[in-house]
Structures are given as C-alpha cells and as structure tokens.
C-alpha cells in the first residue's frame, strides 16, 4: 500500500530495543536526488531540540508509530556537520580522480608541417 510522507509527520517514534519513546517525526530527510529516505528528523518538545534517526535504524513505519531498531539518535547539528564533511570528502575524491587522469595533449599544429622541396635538399 502506498502512503504519503506527510502521514509520518507527527507520529511517535519508539525504540524496539527499550520501548522508550524517542520523539515525534517532524520532518523527513531525503538524498540530493530526492528519491531515497536518508533519515527522520525527530522533535522532543519545546527546548530539547531536534535529533536525526538515520534510515538504517528504522525497523517499521507503522500506521500508529514509527519503530526504531535502537534508541541511538544523532544530534541535528552533528548530523548536518557529518553530511557536510562527507560531501567535502566526495568532492576531494572526485578532484583527485580527475587530477590522476590527465590525458596527453595533442602536439601543437604549428610544430607539424607538410614536407616540401626545401626538406629534400
């Protein structure tokens, strides 16, 4: 059955490991292409802030609640910093791959000329 992502917003998140309520789904995190769920943003009330539940920690997206395999959450600021560092690493690897694959350049056109009668003397 197909469900809208908005049906997850406001659902409680519970840890299967401890039964503890971890928070409430306040937003979804998608990859850059917008096709893969990367995590859920959980709110904890007025002053406790936000945390991220990585998608690999999800056990069930139920009709009444979301169930997590564990109660391991990532602080939203730490999550953002981790994503920024991963993006930098990916960009550095791409730059290194481009630098390592330098193709030889063609000889200058001025250096190559056809033979003429002066070359035969």
N, C-alpha and C. Protein backbone atom coordinates (compact mmCIF):
# COMPACT_ATOMS: atom_id res chain seq x y z
N UNK A 1 0.84 -1.18 0.00
CA UNK A 1 0.00 0.00 0.00
C UNK A 1 0.89 1.25 0.00
N UNK A 2 0.51 2.22 -0.77
CA UNK A 2 1.27 3.46 -0.86
C UNK A 2 0.79 4.44 0.20
N UNK A 3 1.74 5.10 0.87
CA UNK A 3 1.42 6.10 1.87
C UNK A 3 2.14 7.39 1.55
N UNK A 4 1.55 8.48 1.89
CA UNK A 4 2.20 9.78 1.73
C UNK A 4 3.18 10.01 2.87
N UNK A 5 4.25 10.72 2.55
CA UNK A 5 5.24 11.05 3.57
C UNK A 5 4.62 11.90 4.67
N UNK A 6 3.66 12.72 4.32
CA UNK A 6 3.04 13.59 5.33
C UNK A 6 2.32 12.79 6.41
N UNK A 7 1.98 11.53 6.14
CA UNK A 7 1.34 10.69 7.16
C UNK A 7 2.31 10.32 8.28
N UNK A 8 3.62 10.44 8.00
CA UNK A 8 4.61 10.15 9.05
C UNK A 8 4.80 11.32 10.01
N UNK A 9 4.57 12.54 9.52
CA UNK A 9 4.75 13.73 10.35
C UNK A 9 3.80 13.66 11.54
N UNK A 10 4.35 13.84 12.73
CA UNK A 10 3.54 13.81 13.95
C UNK A 10 3.44 12.44 14.60
N UNK A 11 3.93 11.41 13.94
CA UNK A 11 3.87 10.06 14.52
C UNK A 11 4.93 9.92 15.61
N UNK A 12 4.61 9.22 16.68
CA UNK A 12 5.62 8.96 17.71
C UNK A 12 6.64 7.94 17.19
N UNK A 13 7.88 8.06 17.69
CA UNK A 13 8.93 7.11 17.34
C UNK A 13 9.32 6.38 18.62
N UNK A 14 9.29 5.05 18.54
CA UNK A 14 9.55 4.21 19.71
C UNK A 14 10.71 3.28 19.41
N UNK A 15 11.55 3.04 20.41
CA UNK A 15 12.68 2.12 20.28
C UNK A 15 12.21 0.70 20.53
N UNK A 16 12.49 -0.20 19.58
CA UNK A 16 12.15 -1.61 19.76
C UNK A 16 13.04 -2.23 20.84
N UNK A 17 14.24 -1.70 21.01
CA UNK A 17 15.18 -2.27 21.99
C UNK A 17 14.76 -2.01 23.42
N UNK A 18 14.23 -0.79 23.69
CA UNK A 18 13.93 -0.43 25.08
C UNK A 18 12.46 -0.08 25.32
N UNK A 19 11.70 0.15 24.25
CA UNK A 19 10.31 0.57 24.41
C UNK A 19 10.17 2.06 24.70
N UNK A 20 11.31 2.74 24.78
CA UNK A 20 11.34 4.17 25.09
C UNK A 20 10.81 4.99 23.91
N UNK A 21 10.05 6.03 24.23
CA UNK A 21 9.61 6.96 23.19
C UNK A 21 10.76 7.92 22.89
N UNK A 22 11.19 7.96 21.63
CA UNK A 22 12.35 8.75 21.24
C UNK A 22 11.99 10.16 20.81
N UNK A 23 10.77 10.38 20.40
CA UNK A 23 10.34 11.69 19.95
C UNK A 23 9.20 11.56 18.96
N UNK A 24 8.99 12.64 18.21
CA UNK A 24 7.92 12.70 17.22
C UNK A 24 8.52 13.10 15.89
N UNK A 25 8.09 12.46 14.81
CA UNK A 25 8.59 12.79 13.48
C UNK A 25 8.15 14.20 13.13
N UNK A 26 9.15 15.07 12.84
CA UNK A 26 8.82 16.44 12.46
C UNK A 26 9.18 16.73 11.01
N UNK A 27 10.04 15.89 10.42
CA UNK A 27 10.43 16.10 9.01
C UNK A 27 11.11 14.85 8.49
N UNK A 28 11.24 14.78 7.17
CA UNK A 28 11.93 13.69 6.50
C UNK A 28 13.20 14.23 5.86
N UNK A 29 14.25 13.43 5.84
CA UNK A 29 15.48 13.80 5.15
C UNK A 29 15.63 12.89 3.93
N UNK A 30 15.77 13.52 2.75
CA UNK A 30 15.95 12.78 1.50
C UNK A 30 17.32 13.06 0.95
N UNK A 31 17.82 12.16 0.08
CA UNK A 31 19.11 12.38 -0.56
C UNK A 31 18.99 13.55 -1.53
N UNK A 32 20.13 13.94 -2.15
CA UNK A 32 20.15 15.08 -3.05
C UNK A 32 19.21 14.92 -4.23
N UNK A 33 19.02 13.69 -4.70
CA UNK A 33 18.12 13.44 -5.82
C UNK A 33 16.66 13.46 -5.38
N UNK A 34 16.43 13.39 -4.08
CA UNK A 34 15.06 13.39 -3.56
C UNK A 34 14.34 12.08 -3.75
N UNK A 35 15.09 11.00 -3.90
CA UNK A 35 14.47 9.70 -4.18
C UNK A 35 14.62 8.68 -3.06
N UNK A 36 15.55 8.91 -2.14
CA UNK A 36 15.81 7.94 -1.09
C UNK A 36 15.71 8.59 0.28
N UNK A 37 15.00 7.92 1.18
CA UNK A 37 14.89 8.40 2.55
C UNK A 37 16.22 8.18 3.26
N UNK A 38 16.79 9.24 3.80
CA UNK A 38 18.08 9.18 4.49
C UNK A 38 17.88 9.13 6.00
N UNK A 39 16.84 9.76 6.49
CA UNK A 39 16.59 9.78 7.92
C UNK A 39 15.31 10.52 8.25
N UNK A 40 14.95 10.47 9.51
CA UNK A 40 13.79 11.19 10.03
C UNK A 40 14.27 12.22 11.05
N UNK A 41 13.72 13.41 10.99
CA UNK A 41 14.01 14.42 12.00
C UNK A 41 12.98 14.26 13.11
N UNK A 42 13.47 14.13 14.33
CA UNK A 42 12.59 13.95 15.49
C UNK A 42 12.64 15.18 16.37
N UNK A 43 11.48 15.61 16.81
CA UNK A 43 11.43 16.71 17.78
C UNK A 43 11.13 16.12 19.15
N UNK A 44 11.58 16.85 20.18
CA UNK A 44 11.45 16.35 21.55
C UNK A 44 10.76 17.36 22.45
N UNK A 45 9.94 18.19 21.93
CA UNK A 45 9.31 19.20 22.75
C UNK A 45 9.94 20.55 22.53
N UNK A 46 9.58 21.49 23.37
CA UNK A 46 9.99 22.88 23.18
C UNK A 46 11.49 23.12 23.22
N UNK A 47 12.16 22.68 24.25
CA UNK A 47 13.55 23.07 24.46
C UNK A 47 14.57 21.97 24.21
N UNK A 48 14.15 20.76 23.97
CA UNK A 48 15.10 19.66 23.84
C UNK A 48 15.73 19.58 22.46
N UNK A 49 15.22 20.31 21.49
CA UNK A 49 15.84 20.35 20.17
C UNK A 49 15.44 19.20 19.28
N UNK A 50 16.22 19.04 18.21
CA UNK A 50 15.94 18.03 17.21
C UNK A 50 17.08 17.02 17.12
N UNK A 51 16.70 15.81 16.77
CA UNK A 51 17.66 14.74 16.52
C UNK A 51 17.29 14.05 15.22
N UNK A 52 18.25 13.32 14.67
CA UNK A 52 18.01 12.58 13.43
C UNK A 52 18.08 11.10 13.72
N UNK A 53 17.10 10.38 13.21
CA UNK A 53 17.10 8.93 13.24
C UNK A 53 17.50 8.46 11.84
N UNK A 54 18.72 7.93 11.67
CA UNK A 54 19.15 7.50 10.34
C UNK A 54 18.23 6.41 9.78
N UNK A 55 18.05 6.40 8.48
CA UNK A 55 17.15 5.44 7.83
C UNK A 55 17.54 4.00 8.13
N UNK A 56 18.84 3.72 8.26
CA UNK A 56 19.27 2.35 8.53
C UNK A 56 18.85 1.87 9.92
N UNK A 57 18.44 2.78 10.79
CA UNK A 57 17.96 2.41 12.12
C UNK A 57 16.46 2.15 12.16
N UNK A 58 15.77 2.45 11.06
CA UNK A 58 14.32 2.24 11.02
C UNK A 58 13.99 0.75 10.96
N UNK A 59 13.02 0.35 11.75
CA UNK A 59 12.55 -1.03 11.70
C UNK A 59 11.20 -1.10 11.01
N UNK A 60 10.27 -0.22 11.41
CA UNK A 60 8.92 -0.25 10.85
C UNK A 60 8.35 1.15 10.76
N UNK A 61 7.70 1.44 9.64
CA UNK A 61 6.92 2.66 9.50
C UNK A 61 5.46 2.24 9.64
N UNK A 62 5.01 2.14 10.88
CA UNK A 62 3.66 1.64 11.13
C UNK A 62 2.59 2.69 10.94
N UNK A 63 1.34 2.26 11.07
CA UNK A 63 0.21 3.19 10.92
C UNK A 63 0.05 4.09 12.14
N UNK A 64 0.46 3.60 13.31
CA UNK A 64 0.30 4.37 14.54
C UNK A 64 1.61 4.94 15.07
N UNK A 65 2.73 4.33 14.71
CA UNK A 65 4.02 4.78 15.21
C UNK A 65 5.13 4.31 14.28
N UNK A 66 6.28 4.92 14.45
CA UNK A 66 7.50 4.50 13.77
C UNK A 66 8.33 3.76 14.80
N UNK A 67 8.87 2.60 14.41
CA UNK A 67 9.66 1.80 15.34
C UNK A 67 11.11 1.81 14.87
N UNK A 68 12.00 2.12 15.82
CA UNK A 68 13.43 2.15 15.58
C UNK A 68 14.07 0.89 16.15
N UNK A 69 15.11 0.40 15.49
CA UNK A 69 15.82 -0.78 16.00
C UNK A 69 16.51 -0.51 17.34
N UNK A 70 16.96 0.73 17.52
CA UNK A 70 17.66 1.09 18.75
C UNK A 70 17.22 2.49 19.17
N UNK A 71 17.80 2.97 20.24
CA UNK A 71 17.48 4.34 20.66
C UNK A 71 18.65 5.27 20.39
N UNK A 72 19.49 4.92 19.42
CA UNK A 72 20.64 5.75 19.04
C UNK A 72 20.20 6.84 18.07
N UNK A 73 20.24 8.07 18.53
CA UNK A 73 19.89 9.22 17.71
C UNK A 73 21.12 10.09 17.52
N UNK A 74 21.10 10.89 16.47
CA UNK A 74 22.20 11.81 16.19
C UNK A 74 21.66 13.23 16.36
N UNK A 75 22.39 14.06 17.10
CA UNK A 75 22.01 15.45 17.25
C UNK A 75 21.93 16.09 15.87
N UNK A 76 20.94 16.91 15.62
CA UNK A 76 20.73 17.51 14.29
C UNK A 76 21.94 18.31 13.83
N UNK A 77 22.59 19.04 14.73
CA UNK A 77 23.78 19.81 14.35
C UNK A 77 24.92 18.87 13.96
N UNK A 78 25.10 17.78 14.71
CA UNK A 78 26.13 16.80 14.38
C UNK A 78 25.85 16.13 13.04
N UNK A 79 24.57 15.83 12.79
CA UNK A 79 24.16 15.23 11.52
C UNK A 79 24.52 16.16 10.36
N UNK A 80 24.19 17.42 10.50
CA UNK A 80 24.48 18.41 9.45
C UNK A 80 25.98 18.48 9.19
N UNK A 81 26.78 18.51 10.26
CA UNK A 81 28.23 18.59 10.12
C UNK A 81 28.77 17.32 9.45
N UNK A 82 28.25 16.17 9.83
CA UNK A 82 28.68 14.90 9.22
C UNK A 82 28.38 14.89 7.71
N UNK A 83 27.20 15.37 7.33
CA UNK A 83 26.82 15.42 5.92
C UNK A 83 27.73 16.38 5.14
N UNK A 84 28.08 17.51 5.76
CA UNK A 84 28.96 18.49 5.12
C UNK A 84 30.34 17.89 4.89
N UNK A 85 30.87 17.18 5.89
CA UNK A 85 32.19 16.56 5.77
C UNK A 85 32.19 15.44 4.72
N UNK A 86 31.12 14.66 4.66
CA UNK A 86 31.02 13.61 3.65
C UNK A 86 30.98 14.21 2.25
N UNK A 87 30.28 15.33 2.09
CA UNK A 87 30.22 15.99 0.79
C UNK A 87 31.60 16.51 0.39
N UNK A 88 32.35 17.05 1.36
CA UNK A 88 33.71 17.52 1.07
C UNK A 88 34.62 16.36 0.67
N UNK A 89 34.50 15.23 1.38
CA UNK A 89 35.32 14.06 1.05
C UNK A 89 35.01 13.56 -0.35
N UNK A 90 33.74 13.53 -0.69
CA UNK A 90 33.34 13.09 -2.03
C UNK A 90 33.90 14.02 -3.09
N UNK A 91 33.83 15.32 -2.84
CA UNK A 91 34.36 16.30 -3.79
C UNK A 91 35.88 16.16 -3.91
N UNK A 92 36.58 15.92 -2.80
CA UNK A 92 38.03 15.75 -2.82
C UNK A 92 38.42 14.50 -3.61
N UNK A 93 37.67 13.41 -3.41
CA UNK A 93 37.94 12.18 -4.15
C UNK A 93 37.73 12.38 -5.65
N UNK A 94 36.69 13.12 -6.01
CA UNK A 94 36.42 13.39 -7.42
C UNK A 94 37.53 14.25 -8.01
N UNK A 95 38.00 15.24 -7.26
CA UNK A 95 39.10 16.09 -7.73
C UNK A 95 40.37 15.26 -7.91
N UNK A 96 40.66 14.36 -6.97
CA UNK A 96 41.84 13.52 -7.07
C UNK A 96 41.76 12.59 -8.28
N UNK A 97 40.59 12.06 -8.53
CA UNK A 97 40.41 11.17 -9.68
C UNK A 97 40.63 11.93 -10.98
N UNK A 98 40.11 13.17 -11.03
CA UNK A 98 40.31 13.98 -12.23
C UNK A 98 41.77 14.34 -12.41
N UNK A 99 42.47 14.67 -11.33
CA UNK A 99 43.88 15.05 -11.41
C UNK A 99 44.75 13.87 -11.82
N UNK A 100 44.38 12.68 -11.41
CA UNK A 100 45.15 11.49 -11.74
C UNK A 100 44.94 11.00 -13.16
N UNK A 101 43.93 11.49 -13.82
CA UNK A 101 43.63 11.02 -15.17
C UNK A 101 43.87 12.11 -16.20
N UNK A 102 45.03 12.71 -16.13
CA UNK A 102 45.38 13.75 -17.08
C UNK A 102 45.70 13.08 -18.42
N UNK A 103 45.01 13.52 -19.45
CA UNK A 103 45.23 12.94 -20.77
C UNK A 103 46.33 13.70 -21.49
N UNK A 104 47.12 13.00 -22.29
CA UNK A 104 48.17 13.68 -23.03
C UNK A 104 47.55 14.67 -24.03
N UNK A 105 48.24 15.76 -24.19
CA UNK A 105 47.73 16.77 -25.11
C UNK A 105 48.27 16.52 -26.50
N UNK A 106 47.54 16.98 -27.50
CA UNK A 106 47.95 16.82 -28.89
C UNK A 106 49.10 17.78 -29.18
N UNK A 107 50.02 17.40 -30.08
CA UNK A 107 51.10 18.31 -30.42
C UNK A 107 50.55 19.58 -31.05
N UNK A 108 51.28 20.64 -30.89
CA UNK A 108 50.86 21.92 -31.46
C UNK A 108 50.78 21.82 -32.97
N UNK A 109 49.78 22.42 -33.55
CA UNK A 109 49.60 22.38 -35.00
C UNK A 109 50.75 23.08 -35.73
N UNK A 110 51.33 24.11 -35.12
CA UNK A 110 52.42 24.85 -35.77
C UNK A 110 53.68 24.00 -35.86
N UNK A 111 53.86 23.03 -34.98
CA UNK A 111 55.07 22.21 -34.99
C UNK A 111 55.04 21.17 -36.10
N UNK A 112 53.91 20.89 -36.66
CA UNK A 112 53.78 19.88 -37.69
C UNK A 112 53.44 20.59 -39.00
N UNK A 113 54.32 20.39 -40.02
CA UNK A 113 54.03 20.97 -41.33
C UNK A 113 54.34 19.92 -42.38
N UNK A 114 53.68 20.00 -43.49
CA UNK A 114 53.93 19.02 -44.54
C UNK A 114 55.32 19.18 -45.14
N UNK A 115 55.86 18.12 -45.68
CA UNK A 115 57.15 18.19 -46.37
C UNK A 115 57.02 19.03 -47.64
N UNK A 116 58.08 19.77 -47.96
CA UNK A 116 58.10 20.49 -49.24
C UNK A 116 59.49 20.34 -49.86
N UNK A 117 59.76 21.00 -50.92
CA UNK A 117 61.01 20.82 -51.66
C UNK A 117 62.22 21.24 -50.84
N UNK A 118 62.09 22.13 -49.88
CA UNK A 118 63.24 22.54 -49.05
C UNK A 118 63.74 21.39 -48.19
N UNK A 119 62.84 20.46 -47.82
CA UNK A 119 63.23 19.33 -46.96
C UNK A 119 64.04 18.29 -47.73
N UNK A 120 63.97 18.32 -49.04
CA UNK A 120 64.63 17.31 -49.85
C UNK A 120 66.03 17.71 -50.28
N UNK A 121 66.51 18.85 -50.00
CA UNK A 121 67.84 19.28 -50.39
C UNK A 121 68.91 18.74 -49.52
